[in-house]
PDB file of N, CA and C in Angstrom:
ATOM      1  N   UNK A   1      53.228  90.895  59.989  1.00  0.00           N
ATOM      2  CA  UNK A   1      52.066  89.548  60.018  1.00  0.00           C
ATOM      3  C   UNK A   1      52.515  88.861  61.280  1.00  0.00           C
ATOM      4  N   UNK A   2      51.305  88.360  61.828  1.00  0.00           N
ATOM      5  CA  UNK A   2      51.087  87.999  63.193  1.00  0.00           C
ATOM      6  C   UNK A   2      51.796  86.177  62.968  1.00  0.00           C
ATOM      7  N   UNK A   3      52.376  85.639  63.932  1.00  0.00           N
ATOM      8  CA  UNK A   3      52.649  84.277  63.847  1.00  0.00           C
ATOM      9  C   UNK A   3      51.236  83.561  64.282  1.00  0.00           C
ATOM     10  N   UNK A   4      50.992  82.554  63.792  1.00  0.00           N
ATOM     11  CA  UNK A   4      49.867  81.616  64.569  1.00  0.00           C
ATOM     12  C   UNK A   4      50.581  80.426  64.910  1.00  0.00           C
ATOM     13  N   UNK A   5      50.010  80.302  66.437  1.00  0.00           N
ATOM     14  CA  UNK A   5      50.544  79.184  67.132  1.00  0.00           C
ATOM     15  C   UNK A   5      49.533  77.946  67.055  1.00  0.00           C
ATOM     16  N   UNK A   6      50.325  76.871  66.504  1.00  0.00           N
ATOM     17  CA  UNK A   6      49.705  75.626  66.735  1.00  0.00           C
ATOM     18  C   UNK A   6      49.424  74.602  68.007  1.00  0.00           C
ATOM     19  N   UNK A   7      50.213  75.093  68.806  1.00  0.00           N
ATOM     20  CA  UNK A   7      50.209  74.252  70.130  1.00  0.00           C
ATOM     21  C   UNK A   7      50.931  74.810  71.354  1.00  0.00           C
ATOM     22  N   UNK A   8      50.479  74.649  72.549  1.00  0.00           N
ATOM     23  CA  UNK A   8      50.717  75.121  73.723  1.00  0.00           C
ATOM     24  C   UNK A   8      52.014  74.866  73.749  1.00  0.00           C
ATOM     25  N   UNK A   9      53.128  74.231  73.417  1.00  0.00           N
ATOM     26  CA  UNK A   9      54.447  74.259  73.494  1.00  0.00           C
ATOM     27  C   UNK A   9      54.976  75.332  72.741  1.00  0.00           C
ATOM     28  N   UNK A  10      54.396  75.191  71.725  1.00  0.00           N
ATOM     29  CA  UNK A  10      55.043  76.303  70.671  1.00  0.00           C
ATOM     30  C   UNK A  10      54.795  77.952  71.469  1.00  0.00           C
ATOM     31  N   UNK A  11      53.468  78.481  71.842  1.00  0.00           N
ATOM     32  CA  UNK A  11      52.779  79.195  72.303  1.00  0.00           C
ATOM     33  C   UNK A  11      53.720  79.914  73.588  1.00  0.00           C
ATOM     34  N   UNK A  12      53.947  78.928  74.331  1.00  0.00           N
ATOM     35  CA  UNK A  12      54.434  79.189  75.790  1.00  0.00           C
ATOM     36  C   UNK A  12      55.385  80.242  75.810  1.00  0.00           C
ATOM     37  N   UNK A  13      56.512  80.137  74.841  1.00  0.00           N
ATOM     38  CA  UNK A  13      57.731  81.046  74.642  1.00  0.00           C
ATOM     39  C   UNK A  13      57.262  82.462  74.335  1.00  0.00           C
ATOM     40  N   UNK A  14      56.322  82.574  73.675  1.00  0.00           N
ATOM     41  CA  UNK A  14      55.692  83.684  73.558  1.00  0.00           C
ATOM     42  C   UNK A  14      54.976  84.071  74.518  1.00  0.00           C
ATOM     43  N   UNK A  15      54.439  83.480  74.963  1.00  0.00           N
ATOM     44  CA  UNK A  15      53.612  83.986  76.257  1.00  0.00           C
ATOM     45  C   UNK A  15      54.826  84.659  77.230  1.00  0.00           C
ATOM     46  N   UNK A  16      55.770  83.989  77.787  1.00  0.00           N
ATOM     47  CA  UNK A  16      56.592  84.567  78.430  1.00  0.00           C
ATOM     48  C   UNK A  16      57.077  86.076  78.185  1.00  0.00           C
ATOM     49  N   UNK A  17      57.146  85.984  76.912  1.00  0.00           N
ATOM     50  CA  UNK A  17      57.769  87.444  76.371  1.00  0.00           C
ATOM     51  C   UNK A  17      56.676  88.683  76.444  1.00  0.00           C
ATOM     52  N   UNK A  18      55.738  87.747  76.462  1.00  0.00           N
ATOM     53  CA  UNK A  18      54.300  88.924  77.006  1.00  0.00           C
ATOM     54  C   UNK A  18      54.154  89.616  78.112  1.00  0.00           C
ATOM     55  N   UNK A  19      55.128  88.477  79.200  1.00  0.00           N
ATOM     56  CA  UNK A  19      54.581  88.496  80.666  1.00  0.00           C
ATOM     57  C   UNK A  19      55.911  88.583  81.246  1.00  0.00           C
ATOM     58  N   UNK A  20      57.111  89.543  80.760  1.00  0.00           N
ATOM     59  CA  UNK A  20      58.265  90.113  81.424  1.00  0.00           C
ATOM     60  C   UNK A  20      58.527  91.037  82.247  1.00  0.00           C
ATOM     61  N   UNK A  21      57.276  91.827  82.528  1.00  0.00           N
ATOM     62  CA  UNK A  21      57.498  92.810  83.820  1.00  0.00           C
ATOM     63  C   UNK A  21      56.949  92.081  85.169  1.00  0.00           C
ATOM     64  N   UNK A  22      57.823  92.314  86.093  1.00  0.00           N
ATOM     65  CA  UNK A  22      58.044  91.665  87.351  1.00  0.00           C
ATOM     66  C   UNK A  22      56.705  92.422  87.646  1.00  0.00           C
ATOM     67  N   UNK A  23      56.046  93.113  87.779  1.00  0.00           N
ATOM     68  CA  UNK A  23      54.645  93.654  88.905  1.00  0.00           C
ATOM     69  C   UNK A  23      53.534  92.930  87.488  1.00  0.00           C
ATOM     70  N   UNK A  24      53.437  92.807  86.360  1.00  0.00           N
ATOM     71  CA  UNK A  24      52.537  92.257  85.689  1.00  0.00           C
ATOM     72  C   UNK A  24      52.622  90.863  86.053  1.00  0.00           C
ATOM     73  N   UNK A  25      53.629  89.675  86.140  1.00  0.00           N
ATOM     74  CA  UNK A  25      54.067  88.603  86.730  1.00  0.00           C
ATOM     75  C   UNK A  25      53.325  88.148  88.183  1.00  0.00           C
ATOM     76  N   UNK A  26      53.463  89.196  89.054  1.00  0.00           N
ATOM     77  CA  UNK A  26      53.129  89.082  90.424  1.00  0.00           C
ATOM     78  C   UNK A  26      51.309  89.311  90.349  1.00  0.00           C
ATOM     79  N   UNK A  27      51.033  90.250  89.651  1.00  0.00           N
ATOM     80  CA  UNK A  27      49.691  90.372  89.502  1.00  0.00           C
ATOM     81  C   UNK A  27      49.045  89.330  89.038  1.00  0.00           C
ATOM     82  N   UNK A  28      49.778  88.618  87.607  1.00  0.00           N
ATOM     83  CA  UNK A  28      48.905  87.005  87.168  1.00  0.00           C
ATOM     84  C   UNK A  28      49.162  86.172  88.615  1.00  0.00           C
ATOM     85  N   UNK A  29      50.191  86.258  89.080  1.00  0.00           N
ATOM     86  CA  UNK A  29      50.392  84.936  90.277  1.00  0.00           C
ATOM     87  C   UNK A  29      49.199  85.301  91.438  1.00  0.00           C
ATOM     88  N   UNK A  30      49.048  86.471  91.839  1.00  0.00           N
ATOM     89  CA  UNK A  30      47.724  86.673  92.834  1.00  0.00           C
ATOM     90  C   UNK A  30      46.633  86.251  92.097  1.00  0.00           C
ATOM     91  N   UNK A  31      46.243  86.872  90.726  1.00  0.00           N
ATOM     92  CA  UNK A  31      45.206  86.774  90.636  1.00  0.00           C
ATOM     93  C   UNK A  31      44.908  85.269  90.249  1.00  0.00           C
ATOM     94  N   UNK A  32      45.914  84.176  89.969  1.00  0.00           N
ATOM     95  CA  UNK A  32      45.543  82.968  89.671  1.00  0.00           C
ATOM     96  C   UNK A  32      45.527  82.209  91.210  1.00  0.00           C
ATOM     97  N   UNK A  33      46.130  82.861  92.032  1.00  0.00           N
ATOM     98  CA  UNK A  33      46.079  82.025  93.539  1.00  0.00           C
ATOM     99  C   UNK A  33      44.846  82.432  93.951  1.00  0.00           C
ATOM    100  N   UNK A  34      44.092  83.811  93.451  1.00  0.00           N
ATOM    101  CA  UNK A  34      42.744  83.979  93.917  1.00  0.00           C
ATOM    102  C   UNK A  34      41.592  83.182  93.302  1.00  0.00           C
ATOM    103  N   UNK A  35      42.323  82.652  92.214  1.00  0.00           N
ATOM    104  CA  UNK A  35      41.274  81.888  91.491  1.00  0.00           C
ATOM    105  C   UNK A  35      41.195  80.634  92.079  1.00  0.00           C
ATOM    106  N   UNK A  36      42.140  79.812  92.409  1.00  0.00           N
ATOM    107  CA  UNK A  36      42.373  78.738  92.898  1.00  0.00           C
ATOM    108  C   UNK A  36      41.583  78.665  94.570  1.00  0.00           C
ATOM    109  N   UNK A  37      42.285  79.680  95.102  1.00  0.00           N
ATOM    110  CA  UNK A  37      41.273  79.915  96.661  1.00  0.00           C
ATOM    111  C   UNK A  37      39.718  80.105  96.224  1.00  0.00           C
ATOM    112  N   UNK A  38      39.335  81.010  95.541  1.00  0.00           N
ATOM    113  CA  UNK A  38      37.956  81.432  95.254  1.00  0.00           C
ATOM    114  C   UNK A  38      37.011  79.823  94.766  1.00  0.00           C
ATOM    115  N   UNK A  39      37.946  79.061  93.710  1.00  0.00           N
ATOM    116  CA  UNK A  39      37.139  77.569  93.380  1.00  0.00           C
ATOM    117  C   UNK A  39      37.215  76.855  94.441  1.00  0.00           C
ATOM    118  N   UNK A  40      38.046  76.449  95.505  1.00  0.00           N
ATOM    119  CA  UNK A  40      38.171  75.732  96.554  1.00  0.00           C
ATOM    120  C   UNK A  40      37.337  76.426  97.883  1.00  0.00           C
ATOM    121  N   UNK A  41      37.047  77.599  97.922  1.00  0.00           N
ATOM    122  CA  UNK A  41      35.868  78.015  98.872  1.00  0.00           C
ATOM    123  C   UNK A  41      34.268  77.688  98.158  1.00  0.00           C
ATOM    124  N   UNK A  42      34.219  77.572  96.988  1.00  0.00           N
ATOM    125  CA  UNK A  42      33.031  77.618  96.350  1.00  0.00           C
ATOM    126  C   UNK A  42      32.788  76.046  96.620  1.00  0.00           C
ATOM    127  N   UNK A  43      33.784  75.284  96.415  1.00  0.00           N
ATOM    128  CA  UNK A  43      33.484  73.845  96.645  1.00  0.00           C
ATOM    129  C   UNK A  43      33.140  73.344  98.137  1.00  0.00           C
ATOM    130  N   UNK A  44      34.157  74.054  98.729  1.00  0.00           N
ATOM    131  CA  UNK A  44      33.758  73.817 100.362  1.00  0.00           C
ATOM    132  C   UNK A  44      32.686  74.315 101.214  1.00  0.00           C
ATOM    133  N   UNK A  45      32.277  75.583 100.496  1.00  0.00           N
ATOM    134  CA  UNK A  45      30.991  76.193 100.964  1.00  0.00           C
ATOM    135  C   UNK A  45      29.919  75.474 100.512  1.00  0.00           C
ATOM    136  N   UNK A  46      30.349  75.189  99.057  1.00  0.00           N
ATOM    137  CA  UNK A  46      29.083  75.086  98.092  1.00  0.00           C
ATOM    138  C   UNK A  46      28.392  76.349  97.961  1.00  0.00           C
ATOM    139  N   UNK A  47      28.771  77.370  97.885  1.00  0.00           N
ATOM    140  CA  UNK A  47      28.092  78.420  97.702  1.00  0.00           C
ATOM    141  C   UNK A  47      28.645  78.760  96.019  1.00  0.00           C
ATOM    142  N   UNK A  48      27.705  78.243  95.496  1.00  0.00           N
ATOM    143  CA  UNK A  48      28.314  78.665  93.623  1.00  0.00           C
ATOM    144  C   UNK A  48      28.242  79.663  93.285  1.00  0.00           C
ATOM    145  N   UNK A  49      27.526  80.716  93.930  1.00  0.00           N
ATOM    146  CA  UNK A  49      27.631  82.067  93.262  1.00  0.00           C
ATOM    147  C   UNK A  49      29.586  82.758  93.579  1.00  0.00           C
ATOM    148  N   UNK A  50      29.831  81.882  94.176  1.00  0.00           N
ATOM    149  CA  UNK A  50      31.488  82.288  93.929  1.00  0.00           C
ATOM    150  C   UNK A  50      32.058  82.391  92.864  1.00  0.00           C
ATOM    151  N   UNK A  51      31.344  81.074  92.259  1.00  0.00           N
ATOM    152  CA  UNK A  51      32.466  81.161  90.890  1.00  0.00           C
ATOM    153  C   UNK A  51      32.206  81.972  90.111  1.00  0.00           C
ATOM    154  N   UNK A  52      31.065  83.073  90.173  1.00  0.00           N
ATOM    155  CA  UNK A  52      31.094  84.234  89.233  1.00  0.00           C
ATOM    156  C   UNK A  52      32.335  85.165  89.726  1.00  0.00           C
ATOM    157  N   UNK A  53      32.972  84.999  90.435  1.00  0.00           N
ATOM    158  CA  UNK A  53      34.353  85.828  90.747  1.00  0.00           C
ATOM    159  C   UNK A  53      35.565  85.748  90.337  1.00  0.00           C
ATOM    160  N   UNK A  54      35.636  83.977  89.964  1.00  0.00           N
ATOM    161  CA  UNK A  54      36.542  83.938  89.549  1.00  0.00           C
ATOM    162  C   UNK A  54      37.076  84.316  87.832  1.00  0.00           C
ATOM    163  N   UNK A  55      36.335  84.396  86.959  1.00  0.00           N
ATOM    164  CA  UNK A  55      36.729  85.279  85.846  1.00  0.00           C
ATOM    165  C   UNK A  55      37.383  86.614  85.988  1.00  0.00           C
ATOM    166  N   UNK A  56      36.804  87.380  87.028  1.00  0.00           N
ATOM    167  CA  UNK A  56      36.945  88.713  87.459  1.00  0.00           C
ATOM    168  C   UNK A  56      37.985  88.917  88.050  1.00  0.00           C
ATOM    169  N   UNK A  57      38.457  87.827  88.754  1.00  0.00           N
ATOM    170  CA  UNK A  57      39.494  87.556  89.648  1.00  0.00           C
ATOM    171  C   UNK A  57      40.752  87.705  88.768  1.00  0.00           C
ATOM    172  N   UNK A  58      40.780  86.679  88.075  1.00  0.00           N
ATOM    173  CA  UNK A  58      41.863  86.063  87.169  1.00  0.00           C
ATOM    174  C   UNK A  58      42.161  87.174  86.283  1.00  0.00           C
ATOM    175  N   UNK A  59      41.270  87.381  85.387  1.00  0.00           N
ATOM    176  CA  UNK A  59      41.318  88.620  84.273  1.00  0.00           C
ATOM    177  C   UNK A  59      41.460  89.800  84.692  1.00  0.00           C
ATOM    178  N   UNK A  60      41.069  90.271  86.126  1.00  0.00           N
ATOM    179  CA  UNK A  60      41.353  91.376  86.162  1.00  0.00           C
ATOM    180  C   UNK A  60      42.397  91.915  86.679  1.00  0.00           C
ATOM    181  N   UNK A  61      43.031  90.955  87.724  1.00  0.00           N
ATOM    182  CA  UNK A  61      44.511  91.160  87.757  1.00  0.00           C
ATOM    183  C   UNK A  61      45.416  91.223  86.501  1.00  0.00           C
ATOM    184  N   UNK A  62      45.289  89.986  85.864  1.00  0.00           N
ATOM    185  CA  UNK A  62      46.208  90.276  84.888  1.00  0.00           C
ATOM    186  C   UNK A  62      45.972  90.858  83.627  1.00  0.00           C
ATOM    187  N   UNK A  63      45.043  91.339  83.386  1.00  0.00           N
ATOM    188  CA  UNK A  63      44.707  92.551  82.663  1.00  0.00           C
ATOM    189  C   UNK A  63      45.226  93.946  83.371  1.00  0.00           C
ATOM    190  N   UNK A  64      45.165  94.109  84.325  1.00  0.00           N
ATOM    191  CA  UNK A  64      45.864  95.660  85.065  1.00  0.00           C
ATOM    192  C   UNK A  64      47.567  95.227  84.652  1.00  0.00           C
ATOM    193  N   UNK A  65      47.822  93.873  84.858  1.00  0.00           N
ATOM    194  CA  UNK A  65      49.201  93.948  84.457  1.00  0.00           C
ATOM    195  C   UNK A  65      49.492  94.010  83.002  1.00  0.00           C
ATOM    196  N   UNK A  66      48.696  93.848  82.065  1.00  0.00           N
ATOM    197  CA  UNK A  66      49.257  94.340  80.909  1.00  0.00           C
ATOM    198  C   UNK A  66      48.468  95.703  79.985  1.00  0.00           C
ATOM    199  N   UNK A  67      47.890  96.038  80.620  1.00  0.00           N
ATOM    200  CA  UNK A  67      47.718  97.350  80.477  1.00  0.00           C
ATOM    201  C   UNK A  67      48.495  98.470  81.050  1.00  0.00           C
ATOM    202  N   UNK A  68      48.588  98.276  82.497  1.00  0.00           N
ATOM    203  CA  UNK A  68      49.469  99.307  83.175  1.00  0.00           C
ATOM    204  C   UNK A  68      51.093  99.160  83.154  1.00  0.00           C
ATOM    205  N   UNK A  69      51.492  97.690  83.229  1.00  0.00           N
ATOM    206  CA  UNK A  69      52.780  97.186  83.064  1.00  0.00           C
ATOM    207  C   UNK A  69      53.296  96.945  81.757  1.00  0.00           C
ATOM    208  N   UNK A  70      52.754  96.163  81.253  1.00  0.00           N
ATOM    209  CA  UNK A  70      53.451  95.552  79.688  1.00  0.00           C
ATOM    210  C   UNK A  70      53.484  96.405  79.003  1.00  0.00           C
ATOM    211  N   UNK A  71      52.327  97.135  78.745  1.00  0.00           N
ATOM    212  CA  UNK A  71      51.666  97.903  77.915  1.00  0.00           C
ATOM    213  C   UNK A  71      51.363  97.131  76.382  1.00  0.00           C
ATOM    214  N   UNK A  72      51.016  96.117  76.782  1.00  0.00           N
ATOM    215  CA  UNK A  72      50.663  95.140  75.457  1.00  0.00           C
ATOM    216  C   UNK A  72      48.872  94.784  75.656  1.00  0.00           C
ATOM    217  N   UNK A  73      48.679  94.082  74.655  1.00  0.00           N
ATOM    218  CA  UNK A  73      47.121  93.583  74.342  1.00  0.00           C
ATOM    219  C   UNK A  73      46.968  92.075  75.052  1.00  0.00           C
ATOM    220  N   UNK A  74      46.541  91.281  75.984  1.00  0.00           N
ATOM    221  CA  UNK A  74      46.585  90.014  76.185  1.00  0.00           C
ATOM    222  C   UNK A  74      46.531  89.143  75.451  1.00  0.00           C
ATOM    223  N   UNK A  75      47.001  87.865  75.589  1.00  0.00           N
ATOM    224  CA  UNK A  75      46.752  87.218  74.314  1.00  0.00           C
ATOM    225  C   UNK A  75      45.610  86.353  74.275  1.00  0.00           C
ATOM    226  N   UNK A  76      45.027  86.597  75.522  1.00  0.00           N
ATOM    227  CA  UNK A  76      43.938  86.320  75.580  1.00  0.00           C
ATOM    228  C   UNK A  76      42.446  86.077  74.778  1.00  0.00           C
ATOM    229  N   UNK A  77      42.879  87.464  74.144  1.00  0.00           N
ATOM    230  CA  UNK A  77      41.592  87.893  72.944  1.00  0.00           C
ATOM    231  C   UNK A  77      41.858  86.719  71.646  1.00  0.00           C
ATOM    232  N   UNK A  78      43.122  86.581  71.145  1.00  0.00           N
ATOM    233  CA  UNK A  78      43.433  85.922  70.144  1.00  0.00           C
ATOM    234  C   UNK A  78      43.841  84.003  70.640  1.00  0.00           C
ATOM    235  N   UNK A  79      44.508  83.727  71.530  1.00  0.00           N
ATOM    236  CA  UNK A  79      44.787  82.506  71.973  1.00  0.00           C
ATOM    237  C   UNK A  79      43.958  82.061  73.531  1.00  0.00           C
ATOM    238  N   UNK A  80      42.620  82.427  73.399  1.00  0.00           N
ATOM    239  CA  UNK A  80      41.999  82.222  74.711  1.00  0.00           C
ATOM    240  C   UNK A  80      42.388  80.616  75.515  1.00  0.00           C
ATOM    241  N   UNK A  81      42.330  79.811  74.935  1.00  0.00           N
ATOM    242  CA  UNK A  81      42.706  78.343  75.338  1.00  0.00           C
ATOM    243  C   UNK A  81      44.283  78.232  76.026  1.00  0.00           C
ATOM    244  N   UNK A  82      44.978  78.837  75.029  1.00  0.00           N
ATOM    245  CA  UNK A  82      46.777  78.743  74.960  1.00  0.00           C
ATOM    246  C   UNK A  82      47.066  79.520  76.298  1.00  0.00           C
ATOM    247  N   UNK A  83      46.205  81.057  76.245  1.00  0.00           N
ATOM    248  CA  UNK A  83      46.818  81.813  77.316  1.00  0.00           C
ATOM    249  C   UNK A  83      46.144  81.179  78.819  1.00  0.00           C
ATOM    250  N   UNK A  84      44.669  80.742  78.417  1.00  0.00           N
ATOM    251  CA  UNK A  84      44.751  80.161  80.219  1.00  0.00           C
ATOM    252  C   UNK A  84      45.018  79.177  80.519  1.00  0.00           C
ATOM    253  N   UNK A  85      46.052  78.299  79.479  1.00  0.00           N
ATOM    254  CA  UNK A  85      46.309  77.181  80.219  1.00  0.00           C
ATOM    255  C   UNK A  85      47.827  77.660  80.563  1.00  0.00           C
ATOM    256  N   UNK A  86      48.215  78.607  79.605  1.00  0.00           N
ATOM    257  CA  UNK A  86      49.963  79.528  80.183  1.00  0.00           C
ATOM    258  C   UNK A  86      49.759  80.184  81.288  1.00  0.00           C
ATOM    259  N   UNK A  87      48.824  80.912  81.561  1.00  0.00           N
ATOM    260  CA  UNK A  87      48.643  81.319  83.097  1.00  0.00           C
ATOM    261  C   UNK A  87      48.619  80.424  84.120  1.00  0.00           C
ATOM    262  N   UNK A  88      48.374  79.282  84.099  1.00  0.00           N
ATOM    263  CA  UNK A  88      48.294  78.337  84.944  1.00  0.00           C
ATOM    264  C   UNK A  88      49.751  77.470  85.049  1.00  0.00           C
ATOM    265  N   UNK A  89      50.382  77.707  83.719  1.00  0.00           N
ATOM    266  CA  UNK A  89      51.686  76.736  84.023  1.00  0.00           C
ATOM    267  C   UNK A  89      52.885  78.138  84.112  1.00  0.00           C
ATOM    268  N   UNK A  90      52.451  79.014  84.023  1.00  0.00           N
ATOM    269  CA  UNK A  90      53.354  80.266  84.677  1.00  0.00           C
ATOM    270  C   UNK A  90      52.994  80.153  86.236  1.00  0.00           C
ATOM    271  N   UNK A  91      52.092  80.297  86.655  1.00  0.00           N
ATOM    272  CA  UNK A  91      51.670  80.055  88.226  1.00  0.00           C
ATOM    273  C   UNK A  91      52.212  78.945  88.780  1.00  0.00           C
ATOM    274  N   UNK A  92      52.388  77.623  88.117  1.00  0.00           N
ATOM    275  CA  UNK A  92      53.054  76.505  89.047  1.00  0.00           C
ATOM    276  C   UNK A  92      54.707  76.683  88.517  1.00  0.00           C
ATOM    277  N   UNK A  93      55.139  77.364  87.749  1.00  0.00           N
ATOM    278  CA  UNK A  93      56.426  77.584  87.096  1.00  0.00           C
ATOM    279  C   UNK A  93      57.254  78.623  88.235  1.00  0.00           C
ATOM    280  N   UNK A  94      55.844  79.734  88.598  1.00  0.00           N
ATOM    281  CA  UNK A  94      56.666  81.089  89.483  1.00  0.00           C
ATOM    282  C   UNK A  94      56.668  80.018  90.947  1.00  0.00           C
ATOM    283  N   UNK A  95      55.695  79.300  91.356  1.00  0.00           N
ATOM    284  CA  UNK A  95      55.491  78.722  92.957  1.00  0.00           C
ATOM    285  C   UNK A  95      56.890  77.566  92.982  1.00  0.00           C
ATOM    286  N   UNK A  96      57.310  77.110  91.848  1.00  0.00           N
ATOM    287  CA  UNK A  96      58.132  76.082  92.118  1.00  0.00           C
ATOM    288  C   UNK A  96      59.740  76.571  91.720  1.00  0.00           C
ATOM    289  N   UNK A  97      60.010  78.017  91.239  1.00  0.00           N
ATOM    290  CA  UNK A  97      60.819  78.366  91.099  1.00  0.00           C
ATOM    291  C   UNK A  97      61.393  78.118  89.718  1.00  0.00           C
ATOM    292  N   UNK A  98      60.917  77.605  89.038  1.00  0.00           N
ATOM    293  CA  UNK A  98      61.052  77.191  87.647  1.00  0.00           C
ATOM    294  C   UNK A  98      61.058  78.679  86.512  1.00  0.00           C
ATOM    295  N   UNK A  99      60.592  79.473  86.755  1.00  0.00           N
ATOM    296  CA  UNK A  99      60.805  81.036  86.594  1.00  0.00           C
ATOM    297  C   UNK A  99      60.496  81.591  87.760  1.00  0.00           C
ATOM    298  N   UNK A 100      61.191  82.716  87.396  1.00  0.00           N
ATOM    299  CA  UNK A 100      61.154  83.949  88.129  1.00  0.00           C
ATOM    300  C   UNK A 100      60.431  85.009  87.968  1.00  0.00           C
ATOM    301  N   UNK A 101      59.839  85.608  89.025  1.00  0.00           N
ATOM    302  CA  UNK A 101      59.023  87.009  89.174  1.00  0.00           C
ATOM    303  C   UNK A 101      59.653  87.939  88.520  1.00  0.00           C
ATOM    304  N   UNK A 102      61.124  88.206  88.554  1.00  0.00           N
ATOM    305  CA  UNK A 102      62.197  89.458  87.769  1.00  0.00           C
ATOM    306  C   UNK A 102      62.685  88.556  86.713  1.00  0.00           C
ATOM    307  N   UNK A 103      62.537  88.111  85.461  1.00  0.00           N
ATOM    308  CA  UNK A 103      63.041  87.388  84.735  1.00  0.00           C
ATOM    309  C   UNK A 103      64.387  88.062  83.813  1.00  0.00           C
ATOM    310  N   UNK A 104      64.332  89.219  84.429  1.00  0.00           N
ATOM    311  CA  UNK A 104      65.801  90.179  83.783  1.00  0.00           C
ATOM    312  C   UNK A 104      66.919  89.708  84.504  1.00  0.00           C
ATOM    313  N   UNK A 105      66.654  89.505  85.677  1.00  0.00           N
ATOM    314  CA  UNK A 105      67.771  89.037  86.599  1.00  0.00           C
ATOM    315  C   UNK A 105      68.504  87.663  86.171  1.00  0.00           C
TER     316      UNK A 105
END
């Protein structure tokens, strides 16, 4: 029986266990960085068609990490809001050094 998460604070530790492979973390980081770059470029150039690329970039990199490295199902399917928020939290945690790309070290 799967656990039901009722808050982001409760969900995030689970999220981290589902993102323990260093390559997966790197792919998530790159995908989220590209999301921010694409959003900035869309706003800066006012080319709103760029917004179409955001979910493709964000989820594309992340799902490669899950399917080929983590060998698990993305939490996005069951907890889309918590998962998206956790993607951004992990990105900034990796950027600031609060989390490591290789958590097993």
